[in-house]
């Protein structure tokens, strides 16, 4: 296995025992980026000399010398943070996001920033600035979005891991498409300051910055290193990191479901869920079929906040620049405009109802604090595909992606682990979700699933 495809934890072990120097490890990643990025279009701001300079002076810490990437919606001083929009062409922040400061303080080497769809409002990474990010398993397919550049870079061994963000599945769906792992943490457990657009209003609980990597162990490393209260963030809770053992995790009942009863999933997706639950049963976990009744109510409220409020938040930015927007972002605006405009009363009603629905979900999840379910109705799709036929039913683009959206409304953690592949050879993952602040428990269950499945390198990466 090439060193660039080893887990981050193993690369750190090599660094610590001086089997490889930080500059040597950086050179391996530089070579992988130069070889593969022209075809994948995942990293959009990369300078080999800048990487070498950082690696030569890697500071001590838990991530000392580890090469990582950052989604180009998370401020990294001196790197382009354009959020995939020509309206932000050439935008370079002067200060780091809090979580990027923590990466650097831990000794990580920033390889560059990664591609995302315009203003993050898509499950496909495509924009007018840099074009489309492709899937390392098959270049004819998308790497997903909105953290698609980050997912493709990690899957292909161009980065050991890094930071994405997720308000509706944006770290989980690309991880599922590309065969890696990802965690959407509980809102507030990762500092949000420095994310663009700001995680404010409904996005303070819908959205969170989250780690992406090839293994659950690497997610846990990044989570432990980077999480923690930001004293200036009103949504950041003083939740201390805790250890959850395998035995601890086995005491928690798990509910599972193959679909939500409304939108079907592919037969291969059902197989992935079944394989994961059988693996957990073999290890001594207790699982029962269970599907919360409040899921659809949560999805509808997610739609109100993400789609309708999202369009409202961007309205001042795009006013007068509509002809400069990407087709993908225009599709998002069309979805928002198809709804009745929000009034002060309807927005207040939705806000109140969201607390009620979140309460209903929490009550339902008292019996099953962990849920195992699909990530998406389908594996990776081809660029600009927007509907599919599953079991004789037409499934539209945003409906296919609904399986992540519930947990953004809830504000709780949800992880993705790769399990199997489709007949086309595309990865299929499963999702492990939990109640708010059960991040460590979710990671422990995800690690148990991974122990029988997990990351496999795409052939082009070898």
Protein backbone atom coordinates (compact mmCIF):
# COMPACT_ATOMS: atom_id res chain seq x y z
CA UNK A 1 0.00 0.00 0.00
CA UNK A 2 1.48 3.40 -0.95
CA UNK A 3 2.14 5.57 2.09
CA UNK A 4 -0.37 8.15 0.85
CA UNK A 5 -3.17 5.57 1.17
CA UNK A 6 -2.34 4.49 4.71
CA UNK A 7 -4.65 5.70 7.50
CA UNK A 8 -3.64 9.02 9.02
CA UNK A 9 -2.95 7.25 12.30
CA UNK A 10 -0.42 4.99 10.57
CA UNK A 11 1.22 7.89 8.77
CA UNK A 12 1.59 9.65 12.13
CA UNK A 13 3.13 6.50 13.61
CA UNK A 14 5.71 6.49 10.79
CA UNK A 15 6.48 10.15 11.48
CA UNK A 16 6.83 9.62 15.21
CA UNK A 17 9.29 6.78 14.91
CA UNK A 18 11.11 8.72 12.17
CA UNK A 19 10.56 6.05 9.54
CA UNK A 20 9.62 8.99 7.32
CA UNK A 21 10.28 12.71 7.68
CA UNK A 22 7.52 15.33 7.35
CA UNK A 23 9.10 16.67 4.16
CA UNK A 24 9.29 13.17 2.66
CA UNK A 25 5.63 12.53 3.49
CA UNK A 26 4.69 15.88 1.97
CA UNK A 27 6.61 14.97 -1.21
CA UNK A 28 4.65 11.73 -1.50
CA UNK A 29 1.39 13.67 -1.32
CA UNK A 30 2.62 16.34 -3.72
CA UNK A 31 3.42 13.62 -6.26
CA UNK A 32 -0.02 12.03 -5.80
CA UNK A 33 -1.72 15.41 -6.25
CA UNK A 34 0.29 16.21 -9.38
CA UNK A 35 -0.54 12.78 -10.81
CA UNK A 36 -4.27 12.62 -10.05
CA UNK A 37 -5.67 16.10 -9.45
CA UNK A 38 -5.71 17.09 -13.15
CA UNK A 39 -8.22 14.27 -13.68
CA UNK A 40 -10.19 14.60 -10.44
CA UNK A 41 -10.26 18.40 -10.09
CA UNK A 42 -10.55 18.08 -6.32
CA UNK A 43 -7.94 20.53 -4.94
CA UNK A 44 -8.37 24.07 -6.26
CA UNK A 45 -5.63 25.98 -4.40
CA UNK A 46 -2.39 24.01 -4.32
CA UNK A 47 1.21 25.25 -4.24
CA UNK A 48 3.88 22.56 -3.86
CA UNK A 49 6.49 25.01 -2.57
CA UNK A 50 4.12 26.28 0.11
CA UNK A 51 3.51 22.69 1.22
CA UNK A 52 7.25 21.98 1.35
CA UNK A 53 7.89 25.10 3.42
CA UNK A 54 5.27 24.07 5.98
CA UNK A 55 6.50 20.48 6.15
CA UNK A 56 10.10 21.59 6.68
CA UNK A 57 8.99 23.48 9.79
CA UNK A 58 6.21 21.18 11.04
CA UNK A 59 5.45 22.13 14.61
CA UNK A 60 5.08 19.48 17.32
CA UNK A 61 1.60 18.29 18.21
CA UNK A 62 -0.86 15.42 17.82
CA UNK A 63 -0.97 15.94 14.02
CA UNK A 64 2.67 16.96 13.55
CA UNK A 65 3.63 16.63 9.89
CA UNK A 66 0.27 15.21 8.76
CA UNK A 67 -0.79 16.52 5.30
CA UNK A 68 -4.46 17.58 5.25
CA UNK A 69 -6.88 19.58 3.12
CA UNK A 70 -9.65 22.06 3.88
CA UNK A 71 -12.90 22.69 2.00
CA UNK A 72 -12.84 26.06 0.27
CA UNK A 73 -15.70 27.37 2.38
CA UNK A 74 -13.61 27.23 5.58
CA UNK A 75 -11.24 30.17 5.97
CA UNK A 76 -7.55 29.30 5.74
CA UNK A 77 -5.38 32.42 5.70
CA UNK A 78 -3.57 32.84 2.40
CA UNK A 79 -5.70 30.25 0.56
CA UNK A 80 -8.55 30.95 -1.81
CA UNK A 81 -11.91 30.67 -0.08
CA UNK A 82 -14.29 31.39 -2.94
CA UNK A 83 -17.17 29.05 -2.03
CA UNK A 84 -17.29 27.96 -5.66
CA UNK A 85 -18.67 31.27 -6.93
CA UNK A 86 -17.39 33.68 -9.55
CA UNK A 87 -18.81 36.40 -7.30
CA UNK A 88 -16.00 35.54 -4.86
CA UNK A 89 -13.27 35.00 -7.46
CA UNK A 90 -9.83 35.46 -5.89
CA UNK A 91 -11.15 35.85 -2.33
CA UNK A 92 -8.37 35.06 0.15
CA UNK A 93 -9.07 35.40 3.90
CA UNK A 94 -6.52 37.05 6.16
CA UNK A 95 -7.46 34.98 9.21
CA UNK A 96 -8.05 31.30 9.80
CA UNK A 97 -11.30 29.73 10.88
CA UNK A 98 -10.99 28.65 14.52
CA UNK A 99 -10.88 24.99 13.51
CA UNK A 100 -8.08 25.69 10.98
CA UNK A 101 -6.11 27.42 13.73
CA UNK A 102 -6.53 24.23 15.76
CA UNK A 103 -5.29 22.12 12.83
CA UNK A 104 -2.17 24.26 12.51
CA UNK A 105 -1.55 24.37 16.27
CA UNK A 106 -1.73 20.55 16.24
CA UNK A 107 1.08 20.49 13.65
CA UNK A 108 -0.85 19.62 10.50
CA UNK A 109 0.48 20.61 7.07
CA UNK A 110 -2.17 22.29 4.88
CA UNK A 111 -1.94 20.89 1.35
CA UNK A 112 -4.57 23.21 -0.09
CA UNK A 113 -8.27 23.94 -0.32
CA UNK A 114 -10.83 21.76 -2.09
CA UNK A 115 -13.60 22.30 -4.59
CA UNK A 116 -17.27 22.78 -3.70
CA UNK A 117 -20.48 23.77 -5.54
CA UNK A 118 -21.44 27.42 -5.72
CA UNK A 119 -22.48 28.64 -2.26
CA UNK A 120 -22.56 24.96 -1.14
CA UNK A 121 -26.17 24.47 -2.19
CA UNK A 122 -25.88 21.20 -4.10
CA UNK A 123 -25.15 17.50 -3.74
CA UNK A 124 -22.81 17.74 -6.73
CA UNK A 125 -19.49 19.61 -6.81
CA UNK A 126 -19.58 21.73 -9.95
CA UNK A 127 -19.10 25.45 -10.49
CA UNK A 128 -18.12 28.07 -13.07
CA UNK A 129 -14.77 28.72 -11.39
CA UNK A 130 -13.24 25.26 -11.51
CA UNK A 131 -15.71 22.92 -13.16
CA UNK A 132 -16.72 19.49 -11.94
CA UNK A 133 -14.99 17.29 -9.35
CA UNK A 134 -15.01 13.67 -10.45
CA UNK A 135 -15.23 10.41 -8.55
CA UNK A 136 -11.93 8.49 -8.23
CA UNK A 137 -13.83 5.20 -8.61
CA UNK A 138 -15.11 6.23 -12.04
CA UNK A 139 -14.39 9.58 -13.66
CA UNK A 140 -17.77 9.51 -15.39
CA UNK A 141 -19.44 9.97 -11.99
CA UNK A 142 -19.71 12.82 -9.50
CA UNK A 143 -17.87 12.85 -6.17
CA UNK A 144 -20.98 14.37 -4.59
CA UNK A 145 -21.33 17.64 -2.71
CA UNK A 146 -20.98 19.96 -1.21
CA UNK A 147 -17.71 18.59 0.22
CA UNK A 148 -17.02 16.65 -2.97
CA UNK A 149 -13.52 18.01 -3.54
CA UNK A 150 -12.52 17.02 -0.03
CA UNK A 151 -13.96 13.51 -0.44
CA UNK A 152 -12.28 12.88 -3.80
CA UNK A 153 -8.90 14.11 -2.53
CA UNK A 154 -9.02 11.83 0.51
CA UNK A 155 -10.32 8.78 -1.36
CA UNK A 156 -7.54 9.09 -3.94
CA UNK A 157 -4.74 9.45 -1.38
CA UNK A 158 -4.04 13.09 -2.24
CA UNK A 159 -4.82 14.02 1.38
CA UNK A 160 -4.84 12.05 4.63
CA UNK A 161 -8.05 13.70 5.76
CA UNK A 162 -9.49 17.10 6.39
CA UNK A 163 -12.43 19.35 6.96
CA UNK A 164 -15.76 19.56 5.20
CA UNK A 165 -19.07 21.05 6.30
CA UNK A 166 -22.59 19.65 6.39
CA UNK A 167 -26.00 21.33 6.52
CA UNK A 168 -27.91 18.63 4.66
CA UNK A 169 -25.52 15.74 4.10
CA UNK A 170 -22.54 17.58 2.66
CA UNK A 171 -19.81 15.50 4.30
CA UNK A 172 -21.82 12.28 4.43
CA UNK A 173 -23.09 12.01 0.86
CA UNK A 174 -19.65 12.61 -0.76
CA UNK A 175 -18.12 10.10 1.69
CA UNK A 176 -20.76 7.56 0.61
CA UNK A 177 -20.11 8.30 -3.08
CA UNK A 178 -16.31 7.97 -2.83
CA UNK A 179 -15.92 5.17 -0.27
CA UNK A 180 -14.49 7.08 2.70
CA UNK A 181 -15.68 7.94 6.23
CA UNK A 182 -17.14 11.19 7.51
CA UNK A 183 -18.78 12.62 10.60
CA UNK A 184 -21.33 15.38 10.86
CA UNK A 185 -20.79 16.30 14.51
CA UNK A 186 -23.39 17.60 16.89
CA UNK A 187 -23.90 21.26 16.03
CA UNK A 188 -21.48 23.32 18.12
CA UNK A 189 -18.93 20.63 18.91
CA UNK A 190 -16.65 21.92 16.16
CA UNK A 191 -16.13 25.70 16.19
CA UNK A 192 -18.05 27.24 13.31
CA UNK A 193 -16.35 30.66 13.27
CA UNK A 194 -14.69 31.22 9.92
CA UNK A 195 -17.07 29.10 7.86
CA UNK A 196 -18.56 30.85 4.84
CA UNK A 197 -21.41 31.45 4.74
CA UNK A 198 -21.61 31.92 8.51
CA UNK A 199 -23.42 29.21 10.49
CA UNK A 200 -26.05 31.60 11.84
CA UNK A 201 -29.80 31.55 12.30
CA UNK A 202 -31.23 28.15 11.31
CA UNK A 203 -27.80 27.10 10.04
CA UNK A 204 -26.46 27.27 13.59
CA UNK A 205 -28.12 23.90 14.28
CA UNK A 206 -28.52 22.59 10.71
CA UNK A 207 -24.86 22.95 9.89
CA UNK A 208 -21.49 21.97 11.27
CA UNK A 209 -17.89 21.65 10.17
CA UNK A 210 -16.94 17.99 10.24
CA UNK A 211 -13.98 15.66 9.73
CA UNK A 212 -13.53 13.47 6.66
CA UNK A 213 -10.96 10.66 6.39
CA UNK A 214 -10.40 7.13 5.15
CA UNK A 215 -10.98 5.40 8.49
CA UNK A 216 -13.13 5.88 11.57
CA UNK A 217 -9.95 5.89 13.65
CA UNK A 218 -8.80 8.93 11.67
CA UNK A 219 -12.19 10.62 12.22
CA UNK A 220 -11.81 10.00 15.95
CA UNK A 221 -8.31 11.48 15.90
CA UNK A 222 -9.53 14.63 14.15
CA UNK A 223 -12.60 14.84 16.36
CA UNK A 224 -10.59 14.60 19.57
CA UNK A 225 -7.98 17.08 18.33
CA UNK A 226 -10.28 19.74 16.88
CA UNK A 227 -13.53 19.62 18.85
CA UNK A 228 -14.12 21.65 21.97
CA UNK A 229 -15.93 24.78 23.01
CA UNK A 230 -15.20 28.09 21.34
CA UNK A 231 -15.76 30.66 24.07
CA UNK A 232 -16.89 33.28 21.52
CA UNK A 233 -19.49 31.05 19.83
CA UNK A 234 -22.97 31.25 21.41
CA UNK A 235 -23.86 27.84 19.93
CA UNK A 236 -20.76 26.06 21.22
CA UNK A 237 -21.39 23.84 24.23
CA UNK A 238 -18.80 22.92 26.92
CA UNK A 239 -19.00 19.22 26.08
CA UNK A 240 -15.86 17.40 27.14
CA UNK A 241 -14.51 14.57 25.01
CA UNK A 242 -15.30 11.16 26.47
CA UNK A 243 -14.11 7.64 25.80
CA UNK A 244 -16.73 5.12 24.66
CA UNK A 245 -15.45 1.55 24.63
CA UNK A 246 -16.75 -1.23 22.42
CA UNK A 247 -18.39 -2.80 25.48
CA UNK A 248 -20.06 0.53 26.32
CA UNK A 249 -21.39 0.79 22.77
CA UNK A 250 -22.79 -2.75 22.83
CA UNK A 251 -25.06 -1.82 25.75
CA UNK A 252 -26.92 0.72 23.61
CA UNK A 253 -29.90 -0.61 21.55
CA UNK A 254 -29.70 0.20 17.84
CA UNK A 255 -32.70 0.74 15.59
CA UNK A 256 -32.35 0.10 11.88
CA UNK A 257 -34.37 0.69 8.73
CA UNK A 258 -33.74 0.18 5.02
CA UNK A 259 -35.93 3.03 3.76
CA UNK A 260 -38.20 5.75 5.08
CA UNK A 261 -41.41 4.25 3.67
CA UNK A 262 -41.78 7.08 1.16
CA UNK A 263 -38.76 7.12 -1.14
CA UNK A 264 -37.21 3.77 -2.13
CA UNK A 265 -33.52 2.89 -2.15
CA UNK A 266 -31.67 0.64 -4.57
CA UNK A 267 -31.49 -3.08 -3.83
CA UNK A 268 -27.72 -2.72 -3.33
CA UNK A 269 -28.31 -0.03 -0.71
CA UNK A 270 -30.59 -2.42 1.19
CA UNK A 271 -27.85 -5.05 1.02
CA UNK A 272 -25.38 -2.58 2.54
CA UNK A 273 -27.69 -1.92 5.51
CA UNK A 274 -28.28 -5.65 5.98
CA UNK A 275 -24.57 -6.42 5.83
CA UNK A 276 -23.80 -3.74 8.40
CA UNK A 277 -26.49 -4.88 10.84
CA UNK A 278 -25.38 -8.52 10.50
CA UNK A 279 -21.81 -7.46 11.25
CA UNK A 280 -22.96 -5.65 14.39
CA UNK A 281 -25.07 -8.62 15.49
CA UNK A 282 -22.07 -10.91 15.09
CA UNK A 283 -20.16 -8.62 17.44
CA UNK A 284 -22.86 -8.73 20.11
CA UNK A 285 -24.82 -5.55 19.44
CA UNK A 286 -28.60 -5.54 19.97
CA UNK A 287 -30.49 -4.34 16.88
CA UNK A 288 -34.20 -4.16 16.11
CA UNK A 289 -36.17 -2.80 13.16
CA UNK A 290 -37.21 0.74 14.06
CA UNK A 291 -38.03 3.88 12.09
CA UNK A 292 -38.92 7.13 13.87
CA UNK A 293 -42.32 8.48 12.88
CA UNK A 294 -41.15 12.11 12.94
CA UNK A 295 -38.68 11.73 10.05
CA UNK A 296 -40.87 13.21 7.34
CA UNK A 297 -41.88 16.17 9.52
CA UNK A 298 -38.16 16.78 10.14
CA UNK A 299 -37.41 16.63 6.42
CA UNK A 300 -40.12 19.15 5.56
CA UNK A 301 -38.78 21.59 8.15
CA UNK A 302 -35.23 21.03 6.90
CA UNK A 303 -36.50 22.02 3.45
CA UNK A 304 -37.96 25.24 4.82
CA UNK A 305 -34.74 26.25 6.53
CA UNK A 306 -32.12 24.97 4.10
CA UNK A 307 -33.83 25.73 0.80
CA UNK A 308 -36.13 28.65 1.49
CA UNK A 309 -34.14 30.42 4.20
CA UNK A 310 -30.93 29.60 2.35
CA UNK A 311 -32.18 31.40 -0.74
CA UNK A 312 -33.28 34.35 1.39
CA UNK A 313 -29.85 34.59 3.02
CA UNK A 314 -28.11 34.67 -0.36
CA UNK A 315 -30.54 37.13 -1.96
CA UNK A 316 -28.51 40.29 -1.12
CA UNK A 317 -25.30 38.70 -2.41
CA UNK A 318 -26.67 37.60 -5.78
CA UNK A 319 -28.93 40.57 -6.48
CA UNK A 320 -27.89 42.03 -9.84
CA UNK A 321 -25.55 39.11 -10.56
CA UNK A 322 -28.06 36.44 -11.59
CA UNK A 323 -26.43 35.97 -15.01
CA UNK A 324 -23.11 35.09 -13.30
CA UNK A 325 -24.51 32.12 -11.35
CA UNK A 326 -23.83 28.47 -12.14
CA UNK A 327 -26.59 26.24 -13.53
CA UNK A 328 -26.43 24.15 -10.34
CA UNK A 329 -27.05 27.15 -8.10
CA UNK A 330 -29.82 28.38 -10.39
CA UNK A 331 -31.49 24.98 -9.95
CA UNK A 332 -31.35 25.52 -6.20
CA UNK A 333 -32.96 28.95 -6.57
CA UNK A 334 -35.69 27.48 -8.78
CA UNK A 335 -36.50 24.96 -6.04
CA UNK A 336 -36.79 27.76 -3.51
CA UNK A 337 -38.92 29.96 -5.76
CA UNK A 338 -41.34 27.10 -6.40
CA UNK A 339 -42.46 27.41 -2.78
CA UNK A 340 -44.78 30.07 -1.38
CA UNK A 341 -42.66 32.94 -0.04
CA UNK A 342 -41.98 32.78 3.69
CA UNK A 343 -43.70 35.40 5.80
CA UNK A 344 -42.72 36.44 9.29
CA UNK A 345 -45.61 34.33 10.61
CA UNK A 346 -44.75 31.22 8.56
CA UNK A 347 -41.08 31.43 9.50
CA UNK A 348 -41.92 31.80 13.19
CA UNK A 349 -44.33 28.86 12.92
CA UNK A 350 -41.60 26.74 11.32
CA UNK A 351 -39.11 27.72 14.01
CA UNK A 352 -41.53 26.73 16.78
CA UNK A 353 -42.49 23.53 14.98
CA UNK A 354 -38.84 22.57 14.57
CA UNK A 355 -38.39 22.50 18.34
CA UNK A 356 -41.49 20.32 18.65
CA UNK A 357 -40.31 17.90 15.97
CA UNK A 358 -36.82 17.72 17.41
CA UNK A 359 -38.42 16.91 20.74
CA UNK A 360 -40.49 14.15 19.12
CA UNK A 361 -37.38 12.65 17.53
CA UNK A 362 -35.53 12.75 20.84
CA UNK A 363 -38.46 11.03 22.57
CA UNK A 364 -38.58 8.33 19.89
CA UNK A 365 -34.82 7.82 20.10
CA UNK A 366 -34.88 7.24 23.86
CA UNK A 367 -35.49 3.56 23.16
CA UNK A 368 -32.98 3.44 20.29
CA UNK A 369 -30.33 6.14 20.80
CA UNK A 370 -28.46 4.95 17.70
CA UNK A 371 -29.99 4.51 14.24
CA UNK A 372 -28.53 2.55 11.33
CA UNK A 373 -29.89 3.47 7.90
CA UNK A 374 -28.95 4.37 4.32
CA UNK A 375 -26.98 7.49 3.43
CA UNK A 376 -28.80 8.03 0.15
CA UNK A 377 -31.26 6.26 -2.15
CA UNK A 378 -28.53 5.68 -4.74
CA UNK A 379 -24.77 5.34 -5.18
CA UNK A 380 -22.88 8.11 -7.02
CA UNK A 381 -24.66 9.62 -10.00
CA UNK A 382 -23.39 11.06 -13.27
CA UNK A 383 -22.92 14.84 -13.48
CA UNK A 384 -26.22 16.71 -13.83
CA UNK A 385 -28.36 13.58 -13.42
CA UNK A 386 -31.47 14.67 -11.57
CA UNK A 387 -33.84 11.68 -11.42
CA UNK A 388 -33.73 7.91 -11.19
CA UNK A 389 -36.11 4.96 -11.43
CA UNK A 390 -36.00 2.76 -8.35
CA UNK A 391 -38.38 -0.20 -8.05
CA UNK A 392 -40.58 1.35 -10.72
CA UNK A 393 -40.84 4.67 -8.88
CA UNK A 394 -39.40 7.93 -10.20
CA UNK A 395 -37.11 9.45 -7.56
CA UNK A 396 -36.14 13.09 -7.92
CA UNK A 397 -32.72 14.52 -7.06
CA UNK A 398 -33.43 16.09 -3.65
CA UNK A 399 -35.71 13.23 -2.60
CA UNK A 400 -32.90 10.74 -3.20
CA UNK A 401 -30.75 12.70 -0.75
CA UNK A 402 -33.32 12.93 2.05
CA UNK A 403 -31.70 10.23 4.20
CA UNK A 404 -29.16 12.68 5.62
CA UNK A 405 -31.43 15.69 6.03
CA UNK A 406 -33.36 14.48 9.09
CA UNK A 407 -30.27 14.52 11.28
CA UNK A 408 -29.42 18.10 10.33
CA UNK A 409 -32.81 19.21 11.62
CA UNK A 410 -32.18 17.20 14.78
CA UNK A 411 -28.72 18.71 15.16
CA UNK A 412 -27.24 15.37 16.23
CA UNK A 413 -24.18 13.44 15.04
CA UNK A 414 -24.19 11.13 12.04
CA UNK A 415 -21.30 9.17 10.54
CA UNK A 416 -20.81 7.31 7.26
CA UNK A 417 -18.79 4.11 6.78
CA UNK A 418 -18.19 2.37 3.42
CA UNK A 419 -19.60 -1.17 3.31
CA UNK A 420 -19.87 -2.53 -0.25
CA UNK A 421 -19.97 -1.55 -3.92
CA UNK A 422 -22.64 -1.43 -6.60
CA UNK A 423 -22.65 -3.56 -9.74
CA UNK A 424 -20.94 -0.59 -11.44
CA UNK A 425 -18.18 -0.77 -8.84
CA UNK A 426 -19.25 2.40 -7.00
CA UNK A 427 -19.00 2.58 -3.19
CA UNK A 428 -22.05 2.28 -0.96
CA UNK A 429 -21.91 3.37 2.66
CA UNK A 430 -24.22 3.19 5.64
CA UNK A 431 -25.14 5.91 8.10
CA UNK A 432 -24.94 5.69 11.89
CA UNK A 433 -26.81 8.52 13.62
CA UNK A 434 -27.30 9.42 17.25
CA UNK A 435 -28.84 11.84 19.69
CA UNK A 436 -27.12 15.22 20.15
CA UNK A 437 -23.75 15.01 21.95
CA UNK A 438 -23.50 11.24 21.40
CA UNK A 439 -20.69 11.80 18.87
CA UNK A 440 -18.25 9.44 20.59
CA UNK A 441 -20.89 6.70 20.75
CA UNK A 442 -21.67 7.13 17.05
CA UNK A 443 -17.96 6.84 16.26
CA UNK A 444 -17.66 3.70 18.39
CA UNK A 445 -20.51 1.99 16.52
CA UNK A 446 -19.11 3.20 13.20
CA UNK A 447 -15.75 1.65 14.11
CA UNK A 448 -17.48 -1.67 14.81
CA UNK A 449 -19.09 -1.60 11.35
CA UNK A 450 -15.79 -0.64 9.76
CA UNK A 451 -14.00 -3.57 11.39
CA UNK A 452 -15.69 -5.89 8.87
CA UNK A 453 -15.75 -3.52 5.88
CA UNK A 454 -14.11 -0.12 5.52
CA UNK A 455 -12.05 1.82 3.00
CA UNK A 456 -10.64 0.24 -0.13
CA UNK A 457 -8.44 2.32 -2.46
CA UNK A 458 -9.82 3.13 -5.91
CA UNK A 459 -7.60 1.55 -8.59
CA UNK A 460 -6.47 4.91 -9.98
CA UNK A 461 -4.98 5.81 -6.59
CA UNK A 462 -2.56 2.86 -6.50
